[in-house]
N, C-alpha and C. Protein backbone atom coordinates (compact mmCIF):
# COMPACT_ATOMS: atom_id res chain seq x y z
N MET A 1 -2.72 6.42 22.97
CA MET A 1 -2.57 6.85 21.50
C MET A 1 -3.63 5.81 20.82
N ASN A 2 -3.95 6.13 19.72
CA ASN A 2 -4.84 5.41 18.96
C ASN A 2 -4.43 4.10 18.60
N PRO A 3 -5.00 2.79 18.92
CA PRO A 3 -4.61 1.72 18.55
C PRO A 3 -4.83 1.11 17.02
N ILE A 4 -5.37 2.01 16.14
CA ILE A 4 -5.72 1.78 14.64
C ILE A 4 -4.88 2.67 13.82
N ALA A 5 -4.47 2.12 12.72
CA ALA A 5 -3.71 3.10 11.72
C ALA A 5 -4.05 2.46 10.48
N VAL A 6 -3.91 3.61 9.47
CA VAL A 6 -4.30 3.19 8.15
C VAL A 6 -3.13 3.42 7.08
N TYR A 7 -2.71 2.61 6.33
CA TYR A 7 -1.73 2.34 5.73
C TYR A 7 -2.23 2.39 4.46
N PRO A 8 -2.45 3.73 3.41
CA PRO A 8 -3.04 3.96 2.12
C PRO A 8 -1.98 3.69 1.13
N GLY A 9 -2.55 3.37 0.08
CA GLY A 9 -1.80 3.20 -1.14
C GLY A 9 -2.09 2.58 -2.39
N SER A 10 -1.86 2.53 -3.60
CA SER A 10 -2.52 1.99 -4.87
C SER A 10 -2.29 0.27 -4.45
N PHE A 11 -0.98 -0.11 -3.86
CA PHE A 11 -0.86 -1.66 -3.77
C PHE A 11 -1.31 -2.26 -5.11
N ASP A 12 -0.54 -1.90 -6.46
CA ASP A 12 -0.83 -2.60 -7.57
C ASP A 12 0.35 -3.18 -8.32
N PRO A 13 0.74 -4.09 -7.65
CA PRO A 13 0.40 -5.04 -6.39
C PRO A 13 1.02 -4.51 -5.07
N ILE A 14 0.72 -5.25 -4.16
CA ILE A 14 1.52 -5.01 -2.75
C ILE A 14 2.89 -5.42 -2.94
N THR A 15 4.03 -5.03 -2.55
CA THR A 15 5.30 -5.65 -2.57
C THR A 15 5.85 -5.98 -1.44
N ASN A 16 6.96 -6.59 -1.24
CA ASN A 16 7.45 -7.09 0.02
C ASN A 16 8.02 -5.63 0.68
N GLY A 17 8.33 -4.57 0.18
CA GLY A 17 8.59 -3.35 0.59
C GLY A 17 7.19 -2.80 1.74
N HIS A 18 6.08 -2.98 0.99
CA HIS A 18 4.78 -2.88 1.47
C HIS A 18 4.62 -3.80 2.81
N VAL A 19 4.94 -4.94 2.54
CA VAL A 19 4.78 -5.92 3.63
C VAL A 19 5.77 -5.86 4.82
N ASP A 20 6.92 -5.05 4.67
CA ASP A 20 7.81 -4.68 5.77
C ASP A 20 7.09 -3.33 6.44
N ILE A 21 6.64 -2.58 5.91
CA ILE A 21 6.10 -1.49 6.42
C ILE A 21 4.86 -1.86 7.41
N VAL A 22 4.07 -2.76 6.77
CA VAL A 22 2.92 -3.30 7.78
C VAL A 22 3.44 -3.83 8.96
N ARG A 23 4.39 -4.86 8.76
CA ARG A 23 4.96 -5.68 9.88
C ARG A 23 5.22 -4.80 10.82
N ARG A 24 6.17 -3.85 10.52
CA ARG A 24 6.71 -3.02 11.59
C ARG A 24 5.73 -2.10 12.18
N SER A 25 4.87 -2.01 11.42
CA SER A 25 3.67 -0.99 12.00
C SER A 25 2.89 -1.67 13.33
N LEU A 26 2.79 -3.14 12.91
CA LEU A 26 2.13 -3.64 14.06
C LEU A 26 2.89 -3.89 15.26
N GLN A 27 4.27 -3.31 15.27
CA GLN A 27 4.84 -3.49 16.75
C GLN A 27 4.49 -1.99 17.42
N VAL A 28 3.65 -1.12 16.63
CA VAL A 28 3.27 0.15 17.23
C VAL A 28 1.83 0.20 17.34
N PHE A 29 1.02 -0.27 16.44
CA PHE A 29 -0.27 -0.51 16.59
C PHE A 29 -0.97 -1.83 16.79
N ASP A 30 -2.08 -1.72 17.30
CA ASP A 30 -2.95 -2.90 17.58
C ASP A 30 -3.55 -3.52 16.13
N GLN A 31 -3.99 -2.55 15.31
CA GLN A 31 -4.52 -3.07 14.06
C GLN A 31 -4.08 -2.12 13.05
N VAL A 32 -3.68 -2.75 11.91
CA VAL A 32 -3.52 -1.73 10.57
C VAL A 32 -4.27 -2.11 9.50
N ILE A 33 -5.17 -0.90 8.80
CA ILE A 33 -5.73 -1.26 7.61
C ILE A 33 -4.97 -0.74 6.48
N VAL A 34 -4.79 -1.83 5.62
CA VAL A 34 -4.21 -1.79 4.14
C VAL A 34 -5.25 -1.23 3.63
N ALA A 35 -5.21 0.19 3.18
CA ALA A 35 -6.59 0.82 2.28
C ALA A 35 -6.14 1.21 1.10
N VAL A 36 -6.67 0.24 0.04
CA VAL A 36 -6.51 0.53 -1.55
C VAL A 36 -7.21 1.95 -1.75
N ALA A 37 -6.18 2.80 -2.31
CA ALA A 37 -6.75 3.85 -2.77
C ALA A 37 -7.07 3.79 -4.19
N PHE A 38 -8.30 4.11 -4.43
CA PHE A 38 -8.62 4.21 -6.35
C PHE A 38 -9.71 5.19 -6.60
N ASN A 39 -9.57 5.72 -7.70
CA ASN A 39 -10.22 6.94 -8.41
C ASN A 39 -10.72 6.32 -9.78
N ALA A 40 -12.09 5.78 -9.79
CA ALA A 40 -12.53 5.15 -10.97
C ALA A 40 -12.37 5.83 -12.21
N GLN A 41 -12.18 7.36 -11.98
CA GLN A 41 -11.99 7.93 -13.32
C GLN A 41 -10.82 8.25 -13.70
N LYS A 42 -9.73 7.88 -12.86
CA LYS A 42 -8.39 8.16 -13.34
C LYS A 42 -7.42 6.77 -13.05
N ASP A 43 -8.16 5.76 -12.48
CA ASP A 43 -7.39 4.43 -12.14
C ASP A 43 -6.84 3.90 -13.54
N SER A 44 -5.53 3.69 -13.60
CA SER A 44 -4.87 2.78 -14.83
C SER A 44 -4.13 1.36 -14.19
N ALA A 45 -4.77 1.08 -13.05
CA ALA A 45 -4.11 -0.17 -12.31
C ALA A 45 -4.33 -1.27 -13.27
N TRP A 46 -3.29 -2.11 -12.91
CA TRP A 46 -3.49 -3.59 -13.63
C TRP A 46 -4.36 -4.12 -13.06
N PHE A 47 -4.65 -4.03 -11.66
CA PHE A 47 -5.60 -5.17 -10.81
C PHE A 47 -6.81 -4.07 -10.17
N THR A 48 -8.07 -4.72 -10.22
CA THR A 48 -9.14 -3.71 -9.61
C THR A 48 -8.92 -3.69 -8.13
N PRO A 49 -9.52 -2.76 -7.35
CA PRO A 49 -9.47 -2.59 -6.08
C PRO A 49 -9.91 -4.10 -5.37
N GLU A 50 -10.62 -4.80 -5.92
CA GLU A 50 -11.21 -6.07 -5.15
C GLU A 50 -9.90 -6.85 -5.12
N GLU A 51 -9.25 -7.14 -6.21
CA GLU A 51 -8.27 -7.85 -6.65
C GLU A 51 -6.91 -7.59 -5.49
N ARG A 52 -6.76 -6.22 -5.74
CA ARG A 52 -5.71 -5.89 -4.75
C ARG A 52 -5.97 -6.23 -3.17
N THR A 53 -7.38 -5.86 -2.84
CA THR A 53 -7.74 -6.41 -1.42
C THR A 53 -7.59 -7.77 -1.00
N ASP A 54 -7.72 -8.61 -2.19
CA ASP A 54 -7.66 -10.21 -1.85
C ASP A 54 -6.22 -10.44 -1.86
N MET A 55 -5.27 -9.84 -2.61
CA MET A 55 -3.95 -10.21 -2.39
C MET A 55 -3.43 -9.68 -1.10
N ILE A 56 -4.00 -8.59 -0.69
CA ILE A 56 -3.61 -8.13 0.68
C ILE A 56 -3.82 -9.01 1.84
N ARG A 57 -5.12 -9.31 1.70
CA ARG A 57 -5.54 -10.46 2.70
C ARG A 57 -5.02 -11.72 2.45
N ASP A 58 -4.64 -12.34 1.32
CA ASP A 58 -3.78 -13.60 1.28
C ASP A 58 -2.65 -13.27 1.70
N THR A 59 -1.91 -12.19 1.86
CA THR A 59 -0.37 -11.86 2.35
C THR A 59 -0.59 -12.05 3.43
N PHE A 60 -1.53 -11.21 4.46
CA PHE A 60 -1.75 -11.45 5.89
C PHE A 60 -2.60 -12.39 6.33
N ARG A 61 -3.07 -13.32 5.79
CA ARG A 61 -3.93 -14.20 6.37
C ARG A 61 -3.59 -14.53 7.78
N GLY A 62 -2.20 -14.75 7.93
CA GLY A 62 -1.99 -15.39 9.55
C GLY A 62 -2.13 -14.27 10.48
N ASP A 63 -2.26 -13.04 10.21
CA ASP A 63 -2.26 -11.97 11.00
C ASP A 63 -3.76 -11.78 11.99
N GLY A 64 -4.62 -12.63 11.23
CA GLY A 64 -5.80 -12.44 11.74
C GLY A 64 -6.43 -10.89 11.65
N LYS A 65 -7.14 -10.46 12.77
CA LYS A 65 -7.82 -9.03 12.66
C LYS A 65 -7.03 -8.08 12.91
N ARG A 66 -5.81 -8.22 13.00
CA ARG A 66 -4.62 -7.21 13.24
C ARG A 66 -4.44 -6.41 11.85
N VAL A 67 -4.46 -7.15 10.75
CA VAL A 67 -4.52 -6.57 9.32
C VAL A 67 -5.68 -6.62 8.51
N VAL A 68 -6.29 -5.59 8.36
CA VAL A 68 -7.47 -5.47 7.70
C VAL A 68 -7.34 -4.72 6.16
N ALA A 69 -7.73 -5.66 5.06
CA ALA A 69 -7.70 -4.97 3.88
C ALA A 69 -8.84 -4.22 3.37
N ASP A 70 -8.95 -3.28 2.70
CA ASP A 70 -10.01 -2.45 2.37
C ASP A 70 -9.61 -1.77 1.36
N ALA A 71 -10.79 -1.03 0.63
CA ALA A 71 -10.70 0.05 -0.31
C ALA A 71 -11.34 1.24 -0.27
N PHE A 72 -11.00 2.46 -0.58
CA PHE A 72 -11.97 3.62 -0.59
C PHE A 72 -11.52 4.42 -1.80
N SER A 73 -12.26 5.36 -1.83
CA SER A 73 -12.10 6.46 -3.04
C SER A 73 -12.75 7.81 -2.60
N THR A 74 -12.52 8.14 -1.36
CA THR A 74 -13.14 9.25 -0.80
C THR A 74 -11.44 10.06 -0.40
N LEU A 75 -11.80 11.26 0.31
CA LEU A 75 -10.63 11.76 0.98
C LEU A 75 -9.97 10.95 1.94
N LEU A 76 -8.80 10.91 2.05
CA LEU A 76 -8.00 9.99 2.60
C LEU A 76 -8.46 10.13 4.31
N VAL A 77 -8.21 11.61 4.57
CA VAL A 77 -8.47 11.97 6.02
C VAL A 77 -10.08 11.57 6.57
N ASP A 78 -11.05 11.63 5.55
CA ASP A 78 -12.46 11.19 5.67
C ASP A 78 -12.33 9.72 6.07
N TYR A 79 -11.85 9.08 5.25
CA TYR A 79 -11.77 7.64 5.47
C TYR A 79 -11.19 7.26 6.65
N VAL A 80 -9.88 7.81 6.96
CA VAL A 80 -9.13 7.44 8.55
C VAL A 80 -10.17 7.70 9.51
N SER A 81 -10.82 8.98 9.34
CA SER A 81 -11.88 9.14 10.55
C SER A 81 -13.13 8.19 10.71
N SER A 82 -13.67 7.81 9.38
CA SER A 82 -14.75 6.79 9.41
C SER A 82 -14.21 5.35 9.91
N LYS A 83 -13.19 5.23 9.58
CA LYS A 83 -12.47 3.76 10.38
C LYS A 83 -12.18 3.97 11.82
N GLY A 84 -12.38 5.13 12.55
CA GLY A 84 -11.88 5.16 13.99
C GLY A 84 -10.37 5.23 13.98
N ALA A 85 -9.71 5.61 13.18
CA ALA A 85 -8.30 5.65 13.18
C ALA A 85 -7.72 6.99 13.56
N GLY A 86 -6.58 7.11 14.11
CA GLY A 86 -6.11 8.66 14.09
C GLY A 86 -5.08 8.66 13.44
N VAL A 87 -4.30 7.98 12.55
CA VAL A 87 -2.94 7.81 12.33
C VAL A 87 -3.04 7.24 10.89
N ILE A 88 -2.00 7.87 10.04
CA ILE A 88 -1.88 7.64 8.89
C ILE A 88 -0.40 7.50 8.64
N ILE A 89 -0.14 5.94 8.14
CA ILE A 89 1.32 5.48 7.77
C ILE A 89 1.57 5.72 6.42
N ARG A 90 2.83 6.28 6.23
CA ARG A 90 3.47 6.56 4.78
C ARG A 90 4.98 5.85 4.86
N GLY A 91 5.06 5.03 3.73
CA GLY A 91 6.58 4.59 3.81
C GLY A 91 7.23 5.56 2.99
N LEU A 92 8.52 5.79 3.29
CA LEU A 92 9.55 6.61 2.66
C LEU A 92 10.55 5.69 1.96
N ARG A 93 11.04 5.65 0.87
CA ARG A 93 12.13 5.04 0.16
C ARG A 93 13.35 5.99 -0.05
N ALA A 94 13.05 7.13 -0.35
CA ALA A 94 14.42 8.10 -0.81
C ALA A 94 13.71 9.28 -0.54
N VAL A 95 14.74 10.55 -0.65
CA VAL A 95 14.48 11.70 -0.52
C VAL A 95 13.38 12.31 -1.56
N ALA A 96 13.53 11.55 -2.75
CA ALA A 96 12.38 12.21 -3.88
C ALA A 96 11.01 11.71 -3.07
N ASP A 97 10.76 10.86 -2.60
CA ASP A 97 9.39 10.47 -2.09
C ASP A 97 8.90 11.66 -0.96
N PHE A 98 10.14 12.27 -0.21
CA PHE A 98 9.58 13.01 0.96
C PHE A 98 8.75 14.53 0.32
N GLU A 99 9.21 15.10 -0.68
CA GLU A 99 8.60 16.21 -1.15
C GLU A 99 6.99 15.98 -1.16
N TYR A 100 6.55 15.12 -1.93
CA TYR A 100 5.20 14.57 -2.37
C TYR A 100 4.51 14.50 -1.18
N GLU A 101 5.00 13.52 -0.10
CA GLU A 101 4.54 13.17 1.12
C GLU A 101 4.46 14.32 1.73
N PHE A 102 5.28 15.16 2.09
CA PHE A 102 5.23 16.31 3.06
C PHE A 102 3.74 17.11 2.32
N GLN A 103 3.89 17.34 1.21
CA GLN A 103 2.69 18.26 0.55
C GLN A 103 1.40 17.47 1.28
N MET A 104 1.33 16.28 0.71
CA MET A 104 0.06 15.59 1.13
C MET A 104 -0.16 15.55 2.72
N THR A 105 1.06 15.49 3.26
CA THR A 105 0.71 15.42 4.89
C THR A 105 0.15 16.73 5.28
N MET A 106 0.77 17.88 4.80
CA MET A 106 0.30 19.45 5.17
C MET A 106 -1.04 19.34 4.59
N MET A 107 -1.52 18.94 3.47
CA MET A 107 -2.99 19.17 3.25
C MET A 107 -3.78 18.27 4.04
N ASN A 108 -3.49 16.88 4.40
CA ASN A 108 -4.13 16.51 5.25
C ASN A 108 -4.41 16.98 6.78
N ARG A 109 -3.05 17.37 7.00
CA ARG A 109 -3.25 18.22 8.42
C ARG A 109 -4.45 19.49 8.43
N HIS A 110 -4.45 20.37 7.19
CA HIS A 110 -5.10 21.39 7.04
C HIS A 110 -6.70 20.87 7.11
N LEU A 111 -6.98 19.76 6.34
CA LEU A 111 -8.43 19.25 6.41
C LEU A 111 -8.78 18.44 7.79
N ARG A 112 -7.85 17.87 8.27
CA ARG A 112 -8.32 17.16 9.55
C ARG A 112 -7.21 17.20 10.77
N PRO A 113 -6.92 18.26 11.35
CA PRO A 113 -5.71 18.38 12.01
C PRO A 113 -5.39 17.30 13.33
N GLN A 114 -6.43 16.59 13.42
CA GLN A 114 -6.65 15.67 14.68
C GLN A 114 -6.04 14.09 14.02
N VAL A 115 -5.81 14.21 12.59
CA VAL A 115 -5.16 13.17 12.10
C VAL A 115 -3.63 13.20 12.06
N GLU A 116 -2.88 12.32 12.59
CA GLU A 116 -1.56 12.44 12.45
C GLU A 116 -0.92 11.53 11.21
N THR A 117 -0.11 11.77 10.76
CA THR A 117 0.90 11.16 9.57
C THR A 117 2.24 10.70 10.44
N ILE A 118 2.65 9.58 10.25
CA ILE A 118 3.87 8.84 10.76
C ILE A 118 4.51 8.33 9.36
N PHE A 119 5.81 8.82 9.38
CA PHE A 119 6.51 8.19 8.04
C PHE A 119 7.47 7.19 8.39
N MET A 120 7.57 6.17 7.60
CA MET A 120 8.49 4.93 8.09
C MET A 120 9.46 4.75 7.05
N MET A 121 10.41 4.60 7.37
CA MET A 121 11.72 4.20 6.15
C MET A 121 11.48 2.76 5.78
N THR A 122 11.37 2.75 4.49
CA THR A 122 11.47 1.29 3.96
C THR A 122 13.02 0.44 4.21
N GLY A 123 12.61 -0.66 4.59
CA GLY A 123 13.91 -1.49 4.96
C GLY A 123 14.75 -1.21 3.82
N GLU A 124 16.14 -1.72 4.05
CA GLU A 124 17.08 -1.37 3.10
C GLU A 124 17.15 -2.51 2.08
N SER A 125 16.63 -3.78 2.36
CA SER A 125 16.46 -4.79 1.29
C SER A 125 15.46 -4.62 0.23
N HIS A 126 14.39 -3.59 0.80
CA HIS A 126 13.27 -2.94 -0.39
C HIS A 126 13.52 -1.75 -0.71
N PHE A 127 14.63 -1.05 -0.66
CA PHE A 127 14.67 0.46 -0.76
C PHE A 127 14.38 0.67 -2.16
N TYR A 128 14.69 -0.05 -2.97
CA TYR A 128 14.42 0.21 -4.47
C TYR A 128 13.17 -0.27 -5.27
N THR A 129 12.25 -1.17 -4.41
CA THR A 129 11.23 -1.74 -4.97
C THR A 129 10.06 -0.73 -4.99
N SER A 130 9.41 -0.81 -6.18
CA SER A 130 8.18 0.01 -6.01
C SER A 130 7.26 -0.93 -7.06
N SER A 131 5.72 -0.80 -6.77
CA SER A 131 5.03 -1.69 -7.40
C SER A 131 5.06 -1.25 -9.28
N ARG A 132 5.29 0.11 -9.70
CA ARG A 132 5.46 0.42 -10.75
C ARG A 132 6.70 -0.10 -11.25
N LEU A 133 7.90 -0.23 -10.65
CA LEU A 133 9.21 -0.81 -11.26
C LEU A 133 8.60 -2.32 -11.38
N VAL A 134 8.33 -3.29 -10.41
CA VAL A 134 7.91 -4.26 -10.33
C VAL A 134 6.92 -4.80 -11.58
N LYS A 135 5.87 -4.14 -11.89
CA LYS A 135 4.94 -4.25 -13.08
C LYS A 135 6.10 -3.92 -14.40
N GLU A 136 6.76 -3.13 -14.31
CA GLU A 136 7.65 -2.89 -15.57
C GLU A 136 8.65 -3.93 -16.15
N VAL A 137 8.99 -4.33 -14.86
CA VAL A 137 10.17 -5.45 -15.01
C VAL A 137 9.58 -6.85 -15.78
N VAL A 138 8.23 -7.15 -14.67
CA VAL A 138 7.69 -8.37 -15.18
C VAL A 138 7.02 -8.26 -16.51
N SER A 139 6.75 -7.14 -17.01
CA SER A 139 5.99 -6.80 -18.43
C SER A 139 6.90 -7.23 -19.55
N LEU A 140 8.28 -7.06 -19.11
CA LEU A 140 9.40 -7.35 -19.99
C LEU A 140 10.06 -8.65 -20.03
N GLY A 141 9.25 -9.64 -19.28
CA GLY A 141 9.90 -10.67 -18.74
C GLY A 141 10.89 -11.09 -17.94
N GLY A 142 11.23 -10.20 -16.89
CA GLY A 142 12.02 -10.34 -15.85
C GLY A 142 11.31 -10.99 -14.70
N ASN A 143 12.28 -11.29 -13.75
CA ASN A 143 12.27 -12.14 -12.52
C ASN A 143 11.84 -11.03 -11.34
N VAL A 144 10.80 -11.19 -10.89
CA VAL A 144 10.35 -10.24 -9.64
C VAL A 144 10.31 -11.08 -8.45
N ALA A 145 10.39 -12.38 -8.58
CA ALA A 145 10.45 -13.19 -7.04
C ALA A 145 11.53 -12.58 -6.16
N GLY A 146 10.76 -12.61 -4.95
CA GLY A 146 11.23 -12.11 -3.64
C GLY A 146 11.33 -10.73 -3.63
N LEU A 147 10.51 -9.96 -4.58
CA LEU A 147 10.27 -8.31 -4.50
C LEU A 147 8.56 -8.39 -4.06
N ILE A 148 7.93 -9.39 -4.30
CA ILE A 148 6.25 -9.40 -4.12
C ILE A 148 6.16 -10.55 -3.14
N PRO A 149 5.08 -10.73 -2.50
CA PRO A 149 4.77 -11.71 -1.84
C PRO A 149 4.63 -13.01 -2.86
N ASP A 150 4.66 -14.15 -2.25
CA ASP A 150 5.01 -15.49 -3.08
C ASP A 150 3.37 -15.57 -3.46
N ALA A 151 2.36 -15.44 -2.66
CA ALA A 151 0.99 -15.27 -3.51
C ALA A 151 0.63 -14.37 -4.35
N VAL A 152 1.35 -13.30 -4.56
CA VAL A 152 0.84 -12.47 -5.74
C VAL A 152 1.63 -12.65 -7.00
N LEU A 153 3.02 -13.29 -6.91
CA LEU A 153 3.65 -13.49 -7.99
C LEU A 153 2.90 -14.08 -9.01
N PRO A 154 2.25 -15.40 -8.94
CA PRO A 154 1.33 -15.77 -10.08
C PRO A 154 0.31 -14.73 -10.54
N ARG A 155 -0.17 -14.28 -9.86
CA ARG A 155 -1.31 -13.31 -10.68
C ARG A 155 -0.66 -12.26 -11.33
N LEU A 156 0.48 -11.83 -10.89
CA LEU A 156 1.25 -10.62 -11.41
C LEU A 156 1.74 -11.07 -12.77
N VAL A 157 2.33 -12.57 -12.82
CA VAL A 157 3.06 -13.08 -14.16
C VAL A 157 1.99 -13.30 -14.96
N GLU A 158 0.57 -13.51 -14.58
CA GLU A 158 -0.64 -13.88 -15.52
C GLU A 158 -1.09 -12.74 -16.14
N ARG A 159 -0.92 -11.57 -15.28
CA ARG A 159 -1.76 -10.43 -15.67
C ARG A 159 -0.77 -9.56 -16.97
N ALA A 160 0.63 -9.80 -16.41
CA ALA A 160 1.65 -9.23 -17.47
C ALA A 160 1.53 -9.86 -18.70
N ALA A 161 1.28 -11.38 -18.79
CA ALA A 161 1.20 -12.07 -19.91
C ALA A 161 -0.20 -11.60 -20.77
N ARG A 162 -0.98 -11.53 -19.96
CA ARG A 162 -2.35 -10.94 -20.63
C ARG A 162 -2.09 -9.52 -21.35
N PHE A 163 -1.36 -8.68 -20.76
CA PHE A 163 -1.01 -7.34 -21.48
C PHE A 163 -0.18 -7.68 -22.41
N ARG A 164 0.79 -8.52 -22.45
CA ARG A 164 1.54 -8.60 -23.52
C ARG A 164 1.16 -9.28 -24.96
N SER A 165 -0.03 -9.98 -24.55
CA SER A 165 -0.58 -10.65 -25.56
C SER A 165 -1.65 -9.69 -26.35
N ARG A 166 -1.94 -8.55 -25.86
CA ARG A 166 -2.89 -7.56 -26.56
C ARG A 166 -2.33 -6.98 -27.81
């Protein structure tokens, strides 16, 4: 088995649901690369890829080299291969996630059959959490403590305040 897996996503920002998937992935793989996907022409993220990778590094600082934060803007399967990984990890929250994820997995398999995708169900305490929902709640003044890593919360609140003052 390949000891390296890639967990791709926007991570805008990383949530405790993402953290749960990474922690559980470390029980199976020696190293997990948390890879921030971005497309400079389409990206409407609140945080730059660099800010997102910094938040990921802060979140997993205690895990040493087992969790690596990186960013990419290429085809996922090309990125995975360039990192010497053979597995893509994807988190699923609900049946609604499955159709999209299945379609992407089949395309990735078409492009690079030797790269496998593993799906992990999000833990029940983070089943409803998404980056999009967390941003929406905080932008309306709601409290999202406990839904995102403690190190991320002040950055998210500050960014929401900046958007509100526009």
